[in-house]
Amino acid sequence: MAVNVKTISDDELFFGHKACQGCGGALAVRIALKILGRRSVAVVPAGCMSAVGFNYPQLCFANNAIISTFAGTASMMTGIEAGLRALGKKDFQVVGIAGDGGTGDIGIQALSGAIERNDNVLYICYDNEAYMNTGTQKSTLTPFGARTTTTPVATNAHGNRSYKKNMFEIVAAHGIAYAATASVGYLPDFMKKVEKAMSIQGTKYLHVIAPCPTGWGVKTEDCIEVAKEVVDCGLWYLAEFENGEFTLNKDFKEFSSVENYIKKQGRFKHLSDEEIDLIRKSRDDKWKFINKYFNKVTK
């Protein structure tokens, strides 16, 4: 039976953590583990989720979980999966839970190797678009214009000058068994993709947008709405890659306002109308690519 909001388990495997109120990453982890269940083994590198989930003497994971080196999430997943098989264990899922910096920057080499070997593991990137755990430094998944401590706003600086790395396409270029994008603003879609990933043999990758109210400069109660709006305005998209084919899961006849999305967030409040136009143009260019190469749309 497909998992949905009515059928999802009442079992809580990630609770009592010390995440900030409204944390999108904590929500993504909670929902994913409710679907993966107690026979999942979580590998969590340095980052928000290891900082808030492993607080001696309290462990906030009810399933087996371990902190990995920052760069070694995927390689540790490989070792755990091989070890459990060697012990004759069956019906388990090794899952990596890493942030955007630990995925797109520090951990990308080990992730690439795991995909090349087609290890039977699931890698989840909770993308809050900066190194939030250490005080909001820029990552390669930080969007254009965002203010961080390493891309400040001052007389001779105006936020991040580079654009967000296309991790989904980079992973797909490996010929991975399954990859998908998601957002905590569209939890039913995320839930469906976690469940689908469990059923696929080989390496799976899920990239979920998970707003950080602290780093993004939004109210805690607006986290879900902002995570929904980033999809609705076209700056993020819901898609899958499987069997060499991209599939768009949600299409739009008309996008909501990029400007309204941008102006809700403190990290963007310094942007000029011209810079917002650049973001809108980048969005339009991205969707030209999507409309050209993503040849199916599912509801």
C-alpha atoms as a PDB file:
ATOM      1  CA  MET A   1       0.000   0.000   0.000  1.00  0.00           C
ATOM      2  CA  ALA A   2       1.351   3.400  -0.972  1.00  0.00           C
ATOM      3  CA  VAL A   3       2.377   5.622   1.926  1.00  0.00           C
ATOM      4  CA  ASN A   4       0.386   8.818   2.339  1.00  0.00           C
ATOM      5  CA  VAL A   5      -0.584  11.161   5.165  1.00  0.00           C
ATOM      6  CA  LYS A   6      -3.277   8.691   6.292  1.00  0.00           C
ATOM      7  CA  THR A   7      -1.200   5.516   6.136  1.00  0.00           C
ATOM      8  CA  ILE A   8       2.241   6.728   7.256  1.00  0.00           C
ATOM      9  CA  SER A   9       3.560   5.035  10.393  1.00  0.00           C
ATOM     10  CA  ASP A  10       2.926   6.540  13.830  1.00  0.00           C
ATOM     11  CA  ASP A  11       6.382   5.285  14.839  1.00  0.00           C
ATOM     12  CA  GLU A  12       8.719   8.219  15.476  1.00  0.00           C
ATOM     13  CA  LEU A  13      12.389   7.476  14.763  1.00  0.00           C
ATOM     14  CA  PHE A  14      13.757  11.031  14.998  1.00  0.00           C
ATOM     15  CA  PHE A  15      12.549  12.940  18.034  1.00  0.00           C
ATOM     16  CA  GLY A  16      13.834  14.954  20.974  1.00  0.00           C
ATOM     17  CA  HIS A  17      16.393  16.647  18.748  1.00  0.00           C
ATOM     18  CA  LYS A  18      17.735  20.161  19.248  1.00  0.00           C
ATOM     19  CA  ALA A  19      16.956  21.606  15.822  1.00  0.00           C
ATOM     20  CA  CYS A  20      15.740  25.183  15.504  1.00  0.00           C
ATOM     21  CA  GLN A  21      12.002  25.740  15.377  1.00  0.00           C
ATOM     22  CA  GLY A  22      10.698  25.370  11.838  1.00  0.00           C
ATOM     23  CA  CYS A  23      13.757  23.413  10.642  1.00  0.00           C
ATOM     24  CA  GLY A  24      13.056  21.966   7.204  1.00  0.00           C
ATOM     25  CA  GLY A  25      15.934  19.513   7.478  1.00  0.00           C
ATOM     26  CA  ALA A  26      14.594  17.961  10.688  1.00  0.00           C
ATOM     27  CA  LEU A  27      11.186  17.557   9.060  1.00  0.00           C
ATOM     28  CA  ALA A  28      12.708  15.828   6.025  1.00  0.00           C
ATOM     29  CA  VAL A  29      14.636  13.406   8.254  1.00  0.00           C
ATOM     30  CA  ARG A  30      11.612  12.669  10.435  1.00  0.00           C
ATOM     31  CA  ILE A  31       9.369  11.879   7.460  1.00  0.00           C
ATOM     32  CA  ALA A  32      12.001   9.826   5.625  1.00  0.00           C
ATOM     33  CA  LEU A  33      12.745   7.645   8.647  1.00  0.00           C
ATOM     34  CA  LYS A  34       9.048   7.055   9.347  1.00  0.00           C
ATOM     35  CA  ILE A  35       8.881   5.514   5.870  1.00  0.00           C
ATOM     36  CA  LEU A  36      12.231   3.687   5.958  1.00  0.00           C
ATOM     37  CA  GLY A  37      11.499   2.193   9.376  1.00  0.00           C
ATOM     38  CA  ARG A  38      13.567   0.717  12.181  1.00  0.00           C
ATOM     39  CA  ARG A  39      15.577  -1.565   9.892  1.00  0.00           C
ATOM     40  CA  SER A  40      17.235   1.459   8.357  1.00  0.00           C
ATOM     41  CA  VAL A  41      20.774   2.485   9.294  1.00  0.00           C
ATOM     42  CA  ALA A  42      21.390   6.232   9.113  1.00  0.00           C
ATOM     43  CA  VAL A  43      24.813   7.641   8.264  1.00  0.00           C
ATOM     44  CA  VAL A  44      24.988  11.332   9.183  1.00  0.00           C
ATOM     45  CA  PRO A  45      28.082  13.469   8.569  1.00  0.00           C
ATOM     46  CA  ALA A  46      29.042  16.726  10.258  1.00  0.00           C
ATOM     47  CA  GLY A  47      26.202  19.182   9.807  1.00  0.00           C
ATOM     48  CA  CYS A  48      22.935  20.278  11.322  1.00  0.00           C
ATOM     49  CA  MET A  49      21.415  16.829  11.717  1.00  0.00           C
ATOM     50  CA  SER A  50      24.429  15.317  13.447  1.00  0.00           C
ATOM     51  CA  ALA A  51      24.717  18.394  15.683  1.00  0.00           C
ATOM     52  CA  VAL A  52      21.067  18.266  16.747  1.00  0.00           C
ATOM     53  CA  GLY A  53      20.623  14.490  16.711  1.00  0.00           C
ATOM     54  CA  PHE A  54      23.638  13.211  18.671  1.00  0.00           C
ATOM     55  CA  ASN A  55      23.667  14.968  22.039  1.00  0.00           C
ATOM     56  CA  TYR A  56      25.313  12.852  24.740  1.00  0.00           C
ATOM     57  CA  PRO A  57      23.773  11.101  26.587  1.00  0.00           C
ATOM     58  CA  GLN A  58      20.739  11.446  24.332  1.00  0.00           C
ATOM     59  CA  LEU A  59      20.541   9.899  20.859  1.00  0.00           C
ATOM     60  CA  CYS A  60      17.615  11.280  18.895  1.00  0.00           C
ATOM     61  CA  PHE A  61      17.526   8.398  16.386  1.00  0.00           C
ATOM     62  CA  ALA A  62      15.424   5.366  17.361  1.00  0.00           C
ATOM     63  CA  ASN A  63      16.978   3.368  14.510  1.00  0.00           C
ATOM     64  CA  ASN A  64      20.676   2.593  14.210  1.00  0.00           C
ATOM     65  CA  ALA A  65      22.617   5.750  13.355  1.00  0.00           C
ATOM     66  CA  ILE A  66      26.240   6.815  13.192  1.00  0.00           C
ATOM     67  CA  ILE A  67      28.163  10.024  12.525  1.00  0.00           C
ATOM     68  CA  SER A  68      30.538   9.790   9.570  1.00  0.00           C
ATOM     69  CA  THR A  69      33.431  11.964   8.530  1.00  0.00           C
ATOM     70  CA  PHE A  70      32.312  15.072   6.683  1.00  0.00           C
ATOM     71  CA  ALA A  71      33.630  13.827   3.348  1.00  0.00           C
ATOM     72  CA  GLY A  72      32.845  10.157   3.857  1.00  0.00           C
ATOM     73  CA  THR A  73      29.072   9.778   4.057  1.00  0.00           C
ATOM     74  CA  ALA A  74      28.743   7.645   0.928  1.00  0.00           C
ATOM     75  CA  SER A  75      31.899   5.588   1.557  1.00  0.00           C
ATOM     76  CA  MET A  76      30.740   4.727   5.090  1.00  0.00           C
ATOM     77  CA  MET A  77      27.341   3.766   3.664  1.00  0.00           C
ATOM     78  CA  THR A  78      29.137   1.411   1.291  1.00  0.00           C
ATOM     79  CA  GLY A  79      30.995  -0.264   4.143  1.00  0.00           C
ATOM     80  CA  ILE A  80      27.926  -0.658   6.334  1.00  0.00           C
ATOM     81  CA  GLU A  81      25.868  -2.126   3.501  1.00  0.00           C
ATOM     82  CA  ALA A  82      28.625  -4.607   2.623  1.00  0.00           C
ATOM     83  CA  GLY A  83      29.138  -5.524   6.275  1.00  0.00           C
ATOM     84  CA  LEU A  84      25.470  -6.212   6.914  1.00  0.00           C
ATOM     85  CA  ARG A  85      25.303  -8.417   3.815  1.00  0.00           C
ATOM     86  CA  ALA A  86      28.398 -10.298   4.964  1.00  0.00           C
ATOM     87  CA  LEU A  87      26.665 -10.970   8.282  1.00  0.00           C
ATOM     88  CA  GLY A  88      23.695 -12.413   6.434  1.00  0.00           C
ATOM     89  CA  LYS A  89      21.378  -9.552   7.317  1.00  0.00           C
ATOM     90  CA  LYS A  90      18.448  -8.921   5.011  1.00  0.00           C
ATOM     91  CA  ASP A  91      15.602  -6.436   4.632  1.00  0.00           C
ATOM     92  CA  PHE A  92      17.545  -3.345   5.663  1.00  0.00           C
ATOM     93  CA  GLN A  93      18.176   0.066   4.128  1.00  0.00           C
ATOM     94  CA  VAL A  94      21.357   2.091   4.580  1.00  0.00           C
ATOM     95  CA  VAL A  95      20.536   5.785   4.249  1.00  0.00           C
ATOM     96  CA  GLY A  96      22.868   8.768   4.165  1.00  0.00           C
ATOM     97  CA  ILE A  97      21.490  12.070   5.452  1.00  0.00           C
ATOM     98  CA  ALA A  98      23.702  15.005   4.514  1.00  0.00           C
ATOM     99  CA  GLY A  99      23.345  18.736   3.966  1.00  0.00           C
ATOM    100  CA  ASP A 100      24.073  20.663   0.793  1.00  0.00           C
ATOM    101  CA  GLY A 101      27.672  21.435   1.778  1.00  0.00           C
ATOM    102  CA  GLY A 102      28.358  17.848   2.796  1.00  0.00           C
ATOM    103  CA  THR A 103      26.883  16.688  -0.507  1.00  0.00           C
ATOM    104  CA  GLY A 104      27.684  19.181  -3.251  1.00  0.00           C
ATOM    105  CA  ASP A 105      31.074  20.236  -1.870  1.00  0.00           C
ATOM    106  CA  ILE A 106      32.829  18.064   0.687  1.00  0.00           C
ATOM    107  CA  GLY A 107      31.117  14.736   0.023  1.00  0.00           C
ATOM    108  CA  ILE A 108      30.726  14.717  -3.745  1.00  0.00           C
ATOM    109  CA  GLN A 109      33.760  12.497  -4.441  1.00  0.00           C
ATOM    110  CA  ALA A 110      32.563   9.657  -2.192  1.00  0.00           C
ATOM    111  CA  LEU A 111      29.023  10.020  -3.548  1.00  0.00           C
ATOM    112  CA  SER A 112      30.297   9.799  -7.114  1.00  0.00           C
ATOM    113  CA  GLY A 113      32.191   6.619  -6.261  1.00  0.00           C
ATOM    114  CA  ALA A 114      29.156   4.980  -4.648  1.00  0.00           C
ATOM    115  CA  ILE A 115      27.038   5.733  -7.709  1.00  0.00           C
ATOM    116  CA  GLU A 116      29.728   4.360 -10.036  1.00  0.00           C
ATOM    117  CA  ARG A 117      29.814   1.108  -8.022  1.00  0.00           C
ATOM    118  CA  ASN A 118      25.992   1.080  -7.881  1.00  0.00           C
ATOM    119  CA  ASP A 119      26.041   0.307  -4.166  1.00  0.00           C
ATOM    120  CA  ASN A 120      22.600  -0.518  -2.796  1.00  0.00           C
ATOM    121  CA  VAL A 121      22.220   2.600  -0.641  1.00  0.00           C
ATOM    122  CA  LEU A 122      19.951   5.636  -0.413  1.00  0.00           C
ATOM    123  CA  TYR A 123      21.495   9.105  -0.178  1.00  0.00           C
ATOM    124  CA  ILE A 124      19.294  12.016   0.954  1.00  0.00           C
ATOM    125  CA  CYS A 125      20.543  15.582   0.644  1.00  0.00           C
ATOM    126  CA  TYR A 126      18.554  18.011   2.782  1.00  0.00           C
ATOM    127  CA  ASP A 127      19.329  21.277   1.033  1.00  0.00           C
ATOM    128  CA  ASN A 128      19.088  24.404   3.182  1.00  0.00           C
ATOM    129  CA  GLU A 129      21.369  26.241   0.753  1.00  0.00           C
ATOM    130  CA  ALA A 130      24.310  27.048   3.038  1.00  0.00           C
ATOM    131  CA  TYR A 131      26.518  25.667   5.806  1.00  0.00           C
ATOM    132  CA  MET A 132      23.931  26.488   8.465  1.00  0.00           C
ATOM    133  CA  ASN A 133      25.398  24.434  11.310  1.00  0.00           C
ATOM    134  CA  THR A 134      28.561  26.550  11.458  1.00  0.00           C
ATOM    135  CA  GLY A 135      26.928  29.945  11.066  1.00  0.00           C
ATOM    136  CA  THR A 136      25.603  30.251   7.506  1.00  0.00           C
ATOM    137  CA  GLN A 137      28.591  30.093   5.168  1.00  0.00           C
ATOM    138  CA  LYS A 138      28.122  29.810   1.398  1.00  0.00           C
ATOM    139  CA  SER A 139      28.032  26.376  -0.232  1.00  0.00           C
ATOM    140  CA  THR A 140      27.961  25.642  -3.953  1.00  0.00           C
ATOM    141  CA  LEU A 141      24.216  25.153  -3.576  1.00  0.00           C
ATOM    142  CA  THR A 142      23.669  28.659  -2.211  1.00  0.00           C
ATOM    143  CA  PRO A 143      21.509  30.612  -4.678  1.00  0.00           C
ATOM    144  CA  PHE A 144      22.547  33.794  -6.460  1.00  0.00           C
ATOM    145  CA  GLY A 145      22.262  36.927  -4.353  1.00  0.00           C
ATOM    146  CA  ALA A 146      21.937  35.247  -0.962  1.00  0.00           C
ATOM    147  CA  ARG A 147      23.638  36.874   1.986  1.00  0.00           C
ATOM    148  CA  THR A 148      25.836  34.539   4.030  1.00  0.00           C
ATOM    149  CA  THR A 149      28.759  35.206   6.358  1.00  0.00           C
ATOM    150  CA  THR A 150      31.165  34.449   3.499  1.00  0.00           C
ATOM    151  CA  THR A 151      29.104  36.311   0.885  1.00  0.00           C
ATOM    152  CA  PRO A 152      28.212  39.395   2.914  1.00  0.00           C
ATOM    153  CA  VAL A 153      26.382  42.549   1.950  1.00  0.00           C
ATOM    154  CA  ALA A 154      28.491  45.674   2.289  1.00  0.00           C
ATOM    155  CA  THR A 155      29.838  48.583   0.265  1.00  0.00           C
ATOM    156  CA  ASN A 156      31.811  46.357  -2.094  1.00  0.00           C
ATOM    157  CA  ALA A 157      29.832  43.126  -1.702  1.00  0.00           C
ATOM    158  CA  HIS A 158      26.270  42.225  -2.583  1.00  0.00           C
ATOM    159  CA  GLY A 159      25.708  38.631  -1.566  1.00  0.00           C
ATOM    160  CA  ASN A 160      26.537  35.453  -3.462  1.00  0.00           C
ATOM    161  CA  ARG A 161      27.638  36.064  -7.062  1.00  0.00           C
ATOM    162  CA  SER A 162      27.489  32.461  -8.275  1.00  0.00           C
ATOM    163  CA  TYR A 163      24.520  30.270  -9.139  1.00  0.00           C
ATOM    164  CA  LYS A 164      23.305  27.075  -7.503  1.00  0.00           C
ATOM    165  CA  LYS A 165      25.094  23.897  -8.579  1.00  0.00           C
ATOM    166  CA  ASN A 166      22.891  21.448 -10.516  1.00  0.00           C
ATOM    167  CA  MET A 167      23.430  18.457  -8.252  1.00  0.00           C
ATOM    168  CA  PHE A 168      20.413  16.541  -9.565  1.00  0.00           C
ATOM    169  CA  GLU A 169      21.747  16.659 -13.129  1.00  0.00           C
ATOM    170  CA  ILE A 170      25.294  15.888 -11.974  1.00  0.00           C
ATOM    171  CA  VAL A 171      24.065  12.763 -10.187  1.00  0.00           C
ATOM    172  CA  ALA A 172      21.903  11.786 -13.167  1.00  0.00           C
ATOM    173  CA  ALA A 173      24.928  12.112 -15.466  1.00  0.00           C
ATOM    174  CA  HIS A 174      26.423   9.113 -13.617  1.00  0.00           C
ATOM    175  CA  GLY A 175      23.602   6.914 -14.915  1.00  0.00           C
ATOM    176  CA  ILE A 176      22.324   6.382 -11.363  1.00  0.00           C
ATOM    177  CA  ALA A 177      19.599   3.799 -10.714  1.00  0.00           C
ATOM    178  CA  TYR A 178      17.207   6.439  -9.370  1.00  0.00           C
ATOM    179  CA  ALA A 179      17.380  10.140  -8.486  1.00  0.00           C
ATOM    180  CA  ALA A 180      14.694  12.647  -7.596  1.00  0.00           C
ATOM    181  CA  THR A 181      14.141  16.179  -6.375  1.00  0.00           C
ATOM    182  CA  ALA A 182      11.641  17.096  -3.670  1.00  0.00           C
ATOM    183  CA  SER A 183      10.623  19.814  -1.242  1.00  0.00           C
ATOM    184  CA  VAL A 184       9.265  19.721   2.301  1.00  0.00           C
ATOM    185  CA  GLY A 185       6.585  22.048   0.920  1.00  0.00           C
ATOM    186  CA  TYR A 186       5.250  19.077  -1.051  1.00  0.00           C
ATOM    187  CA  LEU A 187       5.490  16.271   1.504  1.00  0.00           C
ATOM    188  CA  PRO A 188       3.230  13.739  -0.306  1.00  0.00           C
ATOM    189  CA  ASP A 189       5.587  13.903  -3.302  1.00  0.00           C
ATOM    190  CA  PHE A 190       8.628  13.460  -1.033  1.00  0.00           C
ATOM    191  CA  MET A 191       7.013  10.537   0.779  1.00  0.00           C
ATOM    192  CA  LYS A 192       6.214   8.799  -2.488  1.00  0.00           C
ATOM    193  CA  LYS A 193       9.807   9.181  -3.679  1.00  0.00           C
ATOM    194  CA  VAL A 194      11.305   7.823  -0.447  1.00  0.00           C
ATOM    195  CA  GLU A 195       9.027   4.800  -0.691  1.00  0.00           C
ATOM    196  CA  LYS A 196       9.885   4.295  -4.368  1.00  0.00           C
ATOM    197  CA  ALA A 197      13.622   4.549  -3.653  1.00  0.00           C
ATOM    198  CA  MET A 198      13.311   1.727  -1.101  1.00  0.00           C
ATOM    199  CA  SER A 199      12.032  -0.616  -3.803  1.00  0.00           C
ATOM    200  CA  ILE A 200      14.899  -0.005  -6.236  1.00  0.00           C
ATOM    201  CA  GLN A 201      18.128  -1.992  -6.219  1.00  0.00           C
ATOM    202  CA  GLY A 202      21.284   0.111  -6.552  1.00  0.00           C
ATOM    203  CA  THR A 203      22.204   3.656  -5.635  1.00  0.00           C
ATOM    204  CA  LYS A 204      19.382   6.110  -5.044  1.00  0.00           C
ATOM    205  CA  TYR A 205      19.634   9.871  -4.528  1.00  0.00           C
ATOM    206  CA  LEU A 206      16.974  12.256  -3.202  1.00  0.00           C
ATOM    207  CA  HIS A 207      17.560  16.009  -3.118  1.00  0.00           C
ATOM    208  CA  VAL A 208      15.017  17.767  -0.928  1.00  0.00           C
ATOM    209  CA  ILE A 209      14.725  21.527  -0.411  1.00  0.00           C
ATOM    210  CA  ALA A 210      14.543  22.134   3.337  1.00  0.00           C
ATOM    211  CA  PRO A 211      14.390  25.822   4.357  1.00  0.00           C
ATOM    212  CA  CYS A 212      16.319  27.063   7.372  1.00  0.00           C
ATOM    213  CA  PRO A 213      14.312  29.860   9.020  1.00  0.00           C
ATOM    214  CA  THR A 214      17.445  31.123  10.783  1.00  0.00           C
ATOM    215  CA  GLY A 215      19.661  31.268   7.704  1.00  0.00           C
ATOM    216  CA  TRP A 216      16.940  32.268   5.249  1.00  0.00           C
ATOM    217  CA  GLY A 217      15.491  34.982   7.452  1.00  0.00           C
ATOM    218  CA  VAL A 218      11.887  33.754   7.498  1.00  0.00           C
ATOM    219  CA  LYS A 219       9.432  33.147  10.317  1.00  0.00           C
ATOM    220  CA  THR A 220       9.441  29.631  11.713  1.00  0.00           C
ATOM    221  CA  GLU A 221       5.766  29.186  10.897  1.00  0.00           C
ATOM    222  CA  ASP A 222       6.438  30.077   7.245  1.00  0.00           C
ATOM    223  CA  CYS A 223       8.920  27.255   6.552  1.00  0.00           C
ATOM    224  CA  ILE A 224       6.467  25.006   4.717  1.00  0.00           C
ATOM    225  CA  GLU A 225       4.924  27.842   2.740  1.00  0.00           C
ATOM    226  CA  VAL A 226       8.345  29.068   1.583  1.00  0.00           C
ATOM    227  CA  ALA A 227       9.327  25.490   0.629  1.00  0.00           C
ATOM    228  CA  LYS A 228       6.158  25.284  -1.447  1.00  0.00           C
ATOM    229  CA  GLU A 229       6.633  28.705  -2.998  1.00  0.00           C
ATOM    230  CA  VAL A 230      10.161  27.980  -4.256  1.00  0.00           C
ATOM    231  CA  VAL A 231       8.591  25.247  -6.389  1.00  0.00           C
ATOM    232  CA  ASP A 232       5.575  27.297  -7.440  1.00  0.00           C
ATOM    233  CA  CYS A 233       7.703  30.222  -8.633  1.00  0.00           C
ATOM    234  CA  GLY A 234       9.916  27.875 -10.669  1.00  0.00           C
ATOM    235  CA  LEU A 235      13.193  28.293  -8.789  1.00  0.00           C
ATOM    236  CA  TRP A 236      13.042  24.601  -7.833  1.00  0.00           C
ATOM    237  CA  TYR A 237      11.318  21.730  -9.586  1.00  0.00           C
ATOM    238  CA  LEU A 238       9.993  18.282  -8.716  1.00  0.00           C
ATOM    239  CA  ALA A 239      11.418  15.603 -10.980  1.00  0.00           C
ATOM    240  CA  GLU A 240      12.815  12.074 -11.243  1.00  0.00           C
ATOM    241  CA  PHE A 241      15.574  10.371 -13.213  1.00  0.00           C
ATOM    242  CA  GLU A 242      15.231   6.661 -13.909  1.00  0.00           C
ATOM    243  CA  ASN A 243      16.237   4.353 -16.761  1.00  0.00           C
ATOM    244  CA  GLY A 244      18.106   7.199 -18.442  1.00  0.00           C
ATOM    245  CA  GLU A 245      15.024   9.400 -18.599  1.00  0.00           C
ATOM    246  CA  PHE A 246      14.040  12.619 -16.808  1.00  0.00           C
ATOM    247  CA  THR A 247      10.435  12.916 -15.648  1.00  0.00           C
ATOM    248  CA  LEU A 248       8.880  16.178 -14.500  1.00  0.00           C
ATOM    249  CA  ASN A 249       6.419  15.569 -11.652  1.00  0.00           C
ATOM    250  CA  LYS A 250       4.782  18.995 -11.488  1.00  0.00           C
ATOM    251  CA  ASP A 251       4.343  21.375 -14.406  1.00  0.00           C
ATOM    252  CA  PHE A 252       3.122  24.965 -14.448  1.00  0.00           C
ATOM    253  CA  LYS A 253       1.177  26.960 -16.986  1.00  0.00           C
ATOM    254  CA  GLU A 254       2.164  30.043 -15.048  1.00  0.00           C
ATOM    255  CA  PHE A 255       4.636  30.546 -12.221  1.00  0.00           C
ATOM    256  CA  SER A 256       3.928  32.480  -9.062  1.00  0.00           C
ATOM    257  CA  SER A 257       5.957  35.638  -8.408  1.00  0.00           C
ATOM    258  CA  VAL A 258       9.727  35.246  -8.004  1.00  0.00           C
ATOM    259  CA  GLU A 259       9.803  38.716  -6.464  1.00  0.00           C
ATOM    260  CA  ASN A 260       7.306  37.792  -3.752  1.00  0.00           C
ATOM    261  CA  TYR A 261       9.322  34.678  -2.899  1.00  0.00           C
ATOM    262  CA  ILE A 262      12.580  36.643  -2.744  1.00  0.00           C
ATOM    263  CA  LYS A 263      11.258  39.529  -0.681  1.00  0.00           C
ATOM    264  CA  LYS A 264       9.924  37.262   2.064  1.00  0.00           C
ATOM    265  CA  GLN A 265      13.473  36.293   3.037  1.00  0.00           C
ATOM    266  CA  GLY A 266      15.975  38.307   5.002  1.00  0.00           C
ATOM    267  CA  ARG A 267      18.898  36.795   3.104  1.00  0.00           C
ATOM    268  CA  PHE A 268      17.649  38.505  -0.088  1.00  0.00           C
ATOM    269  CA  LYS A 269      16.331  41.826   1.248  1.00  0.00           C
ATOM    270  CA  HIS A 270      19.275  43.783  -0.191  1.00  0.00           C
ATOM    271  CA  LEU A 271      18.648  42.697  -3.799  1.00  0.00           C
ATOM    272  CA  SER A 272      17.851  45.309  -6.419  1.00  0.00           C
ATOM    273  CA  ASP A 273      15.119  44.967  -9.040  1.00  0.00           C
ATOM    274  CA  GLU A 274      17.840  44.315 -11.609  1.00  0.00           C
ATOM    275  CA  GLU A 275      19.255  41.433  -9.557  1.00  0.00           C
ATOM    276  CA  ILE A 276      15.791  39.931  -9.112  1.00  0.00           C
ATOM    277  CA  ASP A 277      15.428  40.131 -12.888  1.00  0.00           C
ATOM    278  CA  LEU A 278      18.664  38.135 -13.204  1.00  0.00           C
ATOM    279  CA  ILE A 279      17.213  35.452 -10.944  1.00  0.00           C
ATOM    280  CA  ARG A 280      14.030  35.387 -13.004  1.00  0.00           C
ATOM    281  CA  LYS A 281      16.050  35.070 -16.228  1.00  0.00           C
ATOM    282  CA  SER A 282      18.067  32.209 -14.741  1.00  0.00           C
ATOM    283  CA  ARG A 283      14.764  30.519 -13.851  1.00  0.00           C
ATOM    284  CA  ASP A 284      13.493  30.910 -17.403  1.00  0.00           C
ATOM    285  CA  ASP A 285      16.734  29.546 -18.869  1.00  0.00           C
ATOM    286  CA  LYS A 286      16.516  26.524 -16.571  1.00  0.00           C
ATOM    287  CA  TRP A 287      12.976  25.785 -17.666  1.00  0.00           C
ATOM    288  CA  LYS A 288      14.012  25.933 -21.314  1.00  0.00           C
ATOM    289  CA  PHE A 289      16.346  23.036 -20.478  1.00  0.00           C
ATOM    290  CA  ILE A 290      13.596  21.232 -18.543  1.00  0.00           C
ATOM    291  CA  ASN A 291      11.047  21.629 -21.331  1.00  0.00           C
ATOM    292  CA  LYS A 292      13.576  20.338 -23.849  1.00  0.00           C
ATOM    293  CA  TYR A 293      14.905  17.287 -22.013  1.00  0.00           C
ATOM    294  CA  PHE A 294      12.218  16.290 -19.494  1.00  0.00           C
ATOM    295  CA  ASN A 295       9.883  14.590 -21.909  1.00  0.00           C
ATOM    296  CA  LYS A 296       7.152  13.302 -19.595  1.00  0.00           C
ATOM    297  CA  VAL A 297       4.969  14.918 -16.968  1.00  0.00           C
ATOM    298  CA  THR A 298       3.275  12.974 -14.188  1.00  0.00           C
ATOM    299  CA  LYS A 299       0.677  14.223 -11.740  1.00  0.00           C
END
